[in-house]
Protein backbone atom coordinates (compact mmCIF):
# COMPACT_ATOMS: atom_id res chain seq x y z
CA UNK A 1 13.95 -11.49 -7.24
CA UNK A 2 12.65 -11.60 -10.79
CA UNK A 3 11.95 -8.38 -12.71
CA UNK A 4 8.83 -8.51 -14.88
CA UNK A 5 6.70 -6.13 -16.93
CA UNK A 6 2.95 -6.10 -17.47
CA UNK A 7 1.17 -4.04 -20.12
CA UNK A 8 -1.93 -2.29 -18.83
CA UNK A 9 -3.83 0.01 -21.22
CA UNK A 10 -0.69 0.45 -23.28
CA UNK A 11 1.55 1.40 -20.34
CA UNK A 12 4.47 -0.67 -19.06
CA UNK A 13 3.99 -1.58 -15.40
CA UNK A 14 7.10 -2.73 -13.57
CA UNK A 15 6.86 -5.43 -10.89
CA UNK A 16 8.92 -8.04 -9.10
CA UNK A 17 8.26 -11.64 -8.16
CA UNK A 18 10.02 -13.60 -5.45
CA UNK A 19 9.33 -17.11 -4.18
CA UNK A 20 7.33 -20.01 -5.51
CA UNK A 21 4.26 -21.09 -3.61
CA UNK A 22 0.54 -21.57 -4.09
CA UNK A 23 0.06 -18.89 -1.45
CA UNK A 24 0.20 -15.43 -3.04
CA UNK A 25 0.96 -12.09 -1.39
CA UNK A 26 0.84 -8.78 -3.27
CA UNK A 27 2.63 -5.76 -1.77
CA UNK A 28 1.58 -2.25 -2.84
CA UNK A 29 3.73 0.74 -1.91
CA UNK A 30 2.63 4.23 -0.93
CA UNK A 31 2.80 7.68 -2.50
CA UNK A 32 6.27 8.60 -3.86
CA UNK A 33 7.58 5.13 -3.03
CA UNK A 34 8.38 2.10 -5.18
CA UNK A 35 8.51 -1.68 -4.81
CA UNK A 36 11.90 -1.25 -3.11
CA UNK A 37 10.31 -0.24 0.20
CA UNK A 38 9.13 -3.85 0.52
CA UNK A 39 12.49 -5.55 -0.19
CA UNK A 40 13.04 -6.76 3.39
CA UNK A 41 9.44 -7.92 3.70
CA UNK A 42 9.57 -9.73 0.36
CA UNK A 43 12.76 -11.52 1.38
CA UNK A 44 11.11 -12.96 4.50
CA UNK A 45 7.60 -13.55 3.12
CA UNK A 46 8.86 -15.29 -0.04
CA UNK A 47 10.10 -18.24 2.04
CA UNK A 48 6.52 -19.52 2.23
CA UNK A 49 4.65 -17.39 -0.34
CA UNK A 50 4.89 -16.15 -3.89
CA UNK A 51 5.38 -12.42 -3.38
CA UNK A 52 4.69 -9.71 -5.94
CA UNK A 53 5.65 -6.06 -5.44
CA UNK A 54 4.59 -3.44 -7.95
CA UNK A 55 5.78 -0.02 -9.07
CA UNK A 56 2.43 1.76 -9.30
CA UNK A 57 1.80 3.83 -12.46
CA UNK A 58 4.01 6.91 -12.51
CA UNK A 59 6.22 5.49 -9.73
CA UNK A 60 9.49 3.60 -9.85
CA UNK A 61 10.03 2.43 -13.41
CA UNK A 62 6.35 2.16 -14.35
CA UNK A 63 4.89 4.44 -16.99
CA UNK A 64 2.04 6.88 -16.44
CA UNK A 65 -1.49 6.01 -17.56
CA UNK A 66 -2.73 9.58 -17.85
CA UNK A 67 -3.17 12.84 -15.97
CA UNK A 68 -5.20 11.24 -13.17
CA UNK A 69 -4.32 7.87 -11.69
CA UNK A 70 -7.52 6.73 -10.04
CA UNK A 71 -7.41 4.06 -7.37
CA UNK A 72 -9.52 1.87 -9.65
CA UNK A 73 -7.03 2.13 -12.54
CA UNK A 74 -4.15 1.25 -10.26
CA UNK A 75 -6.13 -1.68 -8.89
CA UNK A 76 -6.57 -2.77 -12.52
CA UNK A 77 -2.78 -2.94 -12.83
CA UNK A 78 -2.63 -5.26 -9.82
CA UNK A 79 -5.31 -7.51 -11.30
CA UNK A 80 -3.49 -7.62 -14.65
CA UNK A 81 -0.32 -8.85 -12.93
CA UNK A 82 -2.21 -11.55 -11.06
CA UNK A 83 -3.95 -12.64 -14.27
CA UNK A 84 -0.66 -12.70 -16.20
CA UNK A 85 0.73 -15.07 -13.59
CA UNK A 86 -2.41 -17.23 -13.35
CA UNK A 87 -3.02 -16.26 -9.74
CA UNK A 88 -6.69 -16.41 -8.87
CA UNK A 89 -6.52 -15.02 -5.33
CA UNK A 90 -4.02 -13.08 -3.21
CA UNK A 91 -3.54 -11.46 0.15
CA UNK A 92 -3.20 -7.77 -0.75
CA UNK A 93 -1.05 -5.54 1.48
CA UNK A 94 -1.03 -1.77 0.93
CA UNK A 95 0.81 1.10 2.60
CA UNK A 96 -0.96 4.49 2.61
CA UNK A 97 -1.78 5.10 -1.10
CA UNK A 98 -1.25 1.36 -1.56
CA UNK A 99 -4.04 0.76 0.95
CA UNK A 100 -6.40 2.94 -1.09
CA UNK A 101 -5.50 0.83 -4.14
CA UNK A 102 -6.04 -2.38 -2.16
CA UNK A 103 -9.51 -1.20 -1.13
CA UNK A 104 -10.35 -0.32 -4.74
CA UNK A 105 -9.18 -3.83 -5.67
CA UNK A 106 -11.55 -5.24 -3.05
CA UNK A 107 -14.35 -3.15 -4.53
CA UNK A 108 -13.71 -4.22 -8.14
CA UNK A 109 -12.48 -7.78 -7.66
CA UNK A 110 -13.85 -9.11 -4.34
CA UNK A 111 -13.52 -12.74 -5.41
CA UNK A 112 -9.77 -12.28 -6.01
CA UNK A 113 -9.01 -11.37 -2.40
CA UNK A 114 -7.81 -13.89 0.15
CA UNK A 115 -7.12 -11.21 2.73
CA UNK A 116 -6.56 -7.46 3.03
CA UNK A 117 -3.95 -5.61 5.09
CA UNK A 118 -3.93 -1.82 5.44
CA UNK A 119 -0.64 -0.29 6.62
CA UNK A 120 -1.16 3.31 7.81
CA UNK A 121 -4.10 3.64 5.44
CA UNK A 122 -7.80 4.40 5.67
CA UNK A 123 -11.04 3.45 3.96
CA UNK A 124 -12.39 6.97 4.47
CA UNK A 125 -12.23 9.56 1.67
CA UNK A 126 -10.32 12.83 1.91
CA UNK A 127 -11.90 15.43 4.15
CA UNK A 128 -12.50 18.92 2.75
CA UNK A 129 -9.37 20.05 4.59
CA UNK A 130 -7.35 17.22 3.08
CA UNK A 131 -8.58 18.03 -0.43
CA UNK A 132 -7.43 21.62 0.09
CA UNK A 133 -4.05 20.32 1.24
CA UNK A 134 -3.72 18.17 -1.88
CA UNK A 135 -4.68 21.12 -4.11
CA UNK A 136 -1.96 23.20 -2.47
CA UNK A 137 0.49 20.31 -2.91
CA UNK A 138 -0.42 20.10 -6.61
CA UNK A 139 0.46 23.76 -7.05
CA UNK A 140 3.80 23.28 -5.25
CA UNK A 141 4.61 20.22 -7.38
CA UNK A 142 3.87 22.14 -10.57
CA UNK A 143 6.38 24.80 -9.52
CA UNK A 144 9.10 22.56 -8.05
CA UNK A 145 8.34 18.88 -7.50
CA UNK A 146 11.85 18.12 -6.19
CA UNK A 147 11.43 20.65 -3.37
CA UNK A 148 8.02 19.13 -2.54
CA UNK A 149 9.55 15.64 -2.29
CA UNK A 150 12.52 16.71 -0.18
CA UNK A 151 10.19 18.38 2.32
CA UNK A 152 7.36 15.82 2.30
CA UNK A 153 9.20 12.51 2.76
CA UNK A 154 11.24 13.25 5.94
CA UNK A 155 8.09 14.56 7.65
CA UNK A 156 6.48 11.12 7.33
CA UNK A 157 9.10 9.62 9.66
CA UNK A 158 8.81 10.13 13.43
CA UNK A 159 12.47 9.70 14.35
CA UNK A 160 14.04 10.66 11.04
CA UNK A 161 17.29 11.85 12.61
CA UNK A 162 18.16 8.66 14.45
CA UNK A 163 21.08 6.59 13.15
CA UNK A 164 18.73 3.66 12.48
CA UNK A 165 16.44 5.65 10.19
CA UNK A 166 18.66 8.22 8.49
CA UNK A 167 19.60 5.70 5.79
CA UNK A 168 15.97 4.70 5.25
CA UNK A 169 14.88 8.33 4.90
CA UNK A 170 17.67 8.97 2.39
CA UNK A 171 16.73 5.89 0.33
CA UNK A 172 13.05 6.80 0.22
CA UNK A 173 13.86 10.40 -0.76
CA UNK A 174 16.21 9.23 -3.53
CA UNK A 175 13.53 6.86 -4.85
CA UNK A 176 10.90 9.60 -4.72
CA UNK A 177 13.12 12.02 -6.63
CA UNK A 178 12.99 9.60 -9.57
CA UNK A 179 9.21 9.91 -9.69
CA UNK A 180 8.30 12.10 -12.71
CA UNK A 181 6.25 15.23 -12.11
CA UNK A 182 3.32 13.73 -14.03
CA UNK A 183 3.36 10.66 -11.78
CA UNK A 184 3.28 12.81 -8.63
CA UNK A 185 0.43 14.98 -9.95
CA UNK A 186 -1.61 12.04 -11.25
CA UNK A 187 -1.44 10.28 -7.87
CA UNK A 188 -2.43 13.44 -5.96
CA UNK A 189 -5.38 13.97 -8.32
CA UNK A 190 -6.46 10.35 -7.91
CA UNK A 191 -6.23 10.31 -4.13
CA UNK A 192 -8.33 13.41 -3.60
CA UNK A 193 -11.33 12.01 -5.54
CA UNK A 194 -11.35 8.50 -4.11
CA UNK A 195 -14.70 7.44 -2.56
CA UNK A 196 -15.55 6.24 0.93
CA UNK A 197 -14.87 2.49 1.04
CA UNK A 198 -15.74 1.61 4.64
CA UNK A 199 -18.50 -0.59 3.20
CA UNK A 200 -15.77 -2.85 1.78
CA UNK A 201 -14.54 -3.50 5.32
CA UNK A 202 -18.04 -3.91 6.74
CA UNK A 203 -18.92 -6.70 4.31
CA UNK A 204 -15.48 -8.25 3.73
CA UNK A 205 -15.83 -12.05 3.50
CA UNK A 206 -12.06 -12.41 4.08
CA UNK A 207 -9.77 -11.53 7.01
CA UNK A 208 -8.72 -7.88 7.34
CA UNK A 209 -5.71 -6.55 9.26
CA UNK A 210 -5.14 -2.87 10.03
CA UNK A 211 -1.67 -1.81 11.18
CA UNK A 212 -1.27 1.67 12.61
CA UNK A 213 1.50 3.80 14.06
CA UNK A 214 0.72 5.43 17.39
CA UNK A 215 2.67 8.52 16.29
CA UNK A 216 1.17 8.67 12.79
CA UNK A 217 0.18 12.25 11.99
CA UNK A 218 -1.40 11.35 8.63
CA UNK A 219 -3.80 8.53 9.60
CA UNK A 220 -4.89 8.53 13.24
CA UNK A 221 -4.52 5.13 14.85
CA UNK A 222 -7.87 5.34 16.65
CA UNK A 223 -9.64 5.80 13.30
CA UNK A 224 -7.90 2.74 11.90
CA UNK A 225 -8.76 0.70 14.99
CA UNK A 226 -12.43 1.66 14.58
CA UNK A 227 -12.32 0.60 10.93
CA UNK A 228 -10.83 -2.78 11.85
CA UNK A 229 -13.84 -3.32 14.12
CA UNK A 230 -16.21 -2.94 11.16
CA UNK A 231 -15.03 -6.29 9.79
CA UNK A 232 -16.48 -9.66 10.72
CA UNK A 233 -12.93 -11.04 10.74
CA UNK A 234 -10.94 -7.90 11.47
CA UNK A 235 -7.80 -7.49 13.56
CA UNK A 236 -5.68 -4.52 14.60
CA UNK A 237 -2.03 -3.98 15.47
CA UNK A 238 -0.69 -0.79 17.01
CA UNK A 239 2.98 0.05 16.56
CA UNK A 240 3.79 1.96 19.76
CA UNK A 241 6.90 3.64 18.36
CA UNK A 242 5.93 3.94 14.69
CA UNK A 243 4.48 6.82 12.72
CA UNK A 244 3.19 6.86 9.14
CA UNK A 245 6.16 4.73 8.07
CA UNK A 246 5.81 2.12 10.80
CA UNK A 247 6.72 -0.70 8.38
CA UNK A 248 10.19 0.94 8.41
CA UNK A 249 10.22 2.39 11.93
CA UNK A 250 9.00 -0.78 13.65
CA UNK A 251 9.86 -3.23 10.89
CA UNK A 252 10.22 -6.64 12.50
CA UNK A 253 7.29 -6.54 14.95
CA UNK A 254 5.03 -5.42 12.08
CA UNK A 255 6.46 -8.09 9.79
CA UNK A 256 5.82 -10.80 12.38
CA UNK A 257 2.18 -9.68 12.73
CA UNK A 258 1.83 -9.70 8.93
CA UNK A 259 3.34 -13.19 8.64
CA UNK A 260 0.80 -14.58 11.13
CA UNK A 261 -2.03 -12.80 9.34
CA UNK A 262 -1.08 -14.31 5.96
CA UNK A 263 -1.02 -17.80 7.48
CA UNK A 264 -4.49 -17.19 8.94
CA UNK A 265 -5.80 -16.11 5.55
CA UNK A 266 -4.75 -19.43 4.04
CA UNK A 267 -5.82 -21.73 6.87
CA UNK A 268 -9.26 -23.14 6.20
CA UNK A 269 -11.57 -22.59 9.20
CA UNK A 270 -12.74 -25.75 10.88
CA UNK A 271 -16.37 -26.62 10.30
CA UNK A 272 -18.52 -25.64 13.22
CA UNK A 273 -20.13 -28.49 15.10
CA UNK A 274 -23.93 -28.63 15.17
């Protein structure tokens, strides 16, 4: 895996590239994560695709852009990386916050999308209740962002105490603890003001895949299923045992579904007979 750096509006944005193919897949992590959450996926997907995985601004080893990281600004980072590597189109895959960024990318750069996959993410904006939750979280982070991280991350996993997931929870927490306070606050501020982007799904000229965890307490799977049905070429996968981190909790079934989706995005549809 090759470490690279892009410069976006004066900030260094860290990303990785693996594989060499005309087919391009871009993986975007969620809140308090980094590119590392996609390592297993990148290893498999890079066999037949060029795979990019980013550290979003204020996450991993990427610098902050400002006091608010809007979804549009983060989508601009993704586009800069694609442009730097002369990639005209990509299948964009986003988990949670990464899905919000992917939708903003679809809004700003529709011609650069070959396909869109939302992992435990939604095109709907924050509800009033969710905005209040984020405002409370912002106050907690300002007082003690390490305590916020140590409490927030484990609660995203359904079976966090099982032997299979204890290591994953620990790795995600350790990664999150490296996220600077400004990065945490900027992402929270950006998420709470993001607009409704269901229209992006309704008029998407490319395939869309929504993957949901049946036990997800953050994004309800029925809402995500309904959003997948807005698309002309939409599909839905339900992880029966997964929660908000179903790409960890139900890794290989989700990865297999994603592999098939990427192939479909790059297969030209046969011309319809008159």
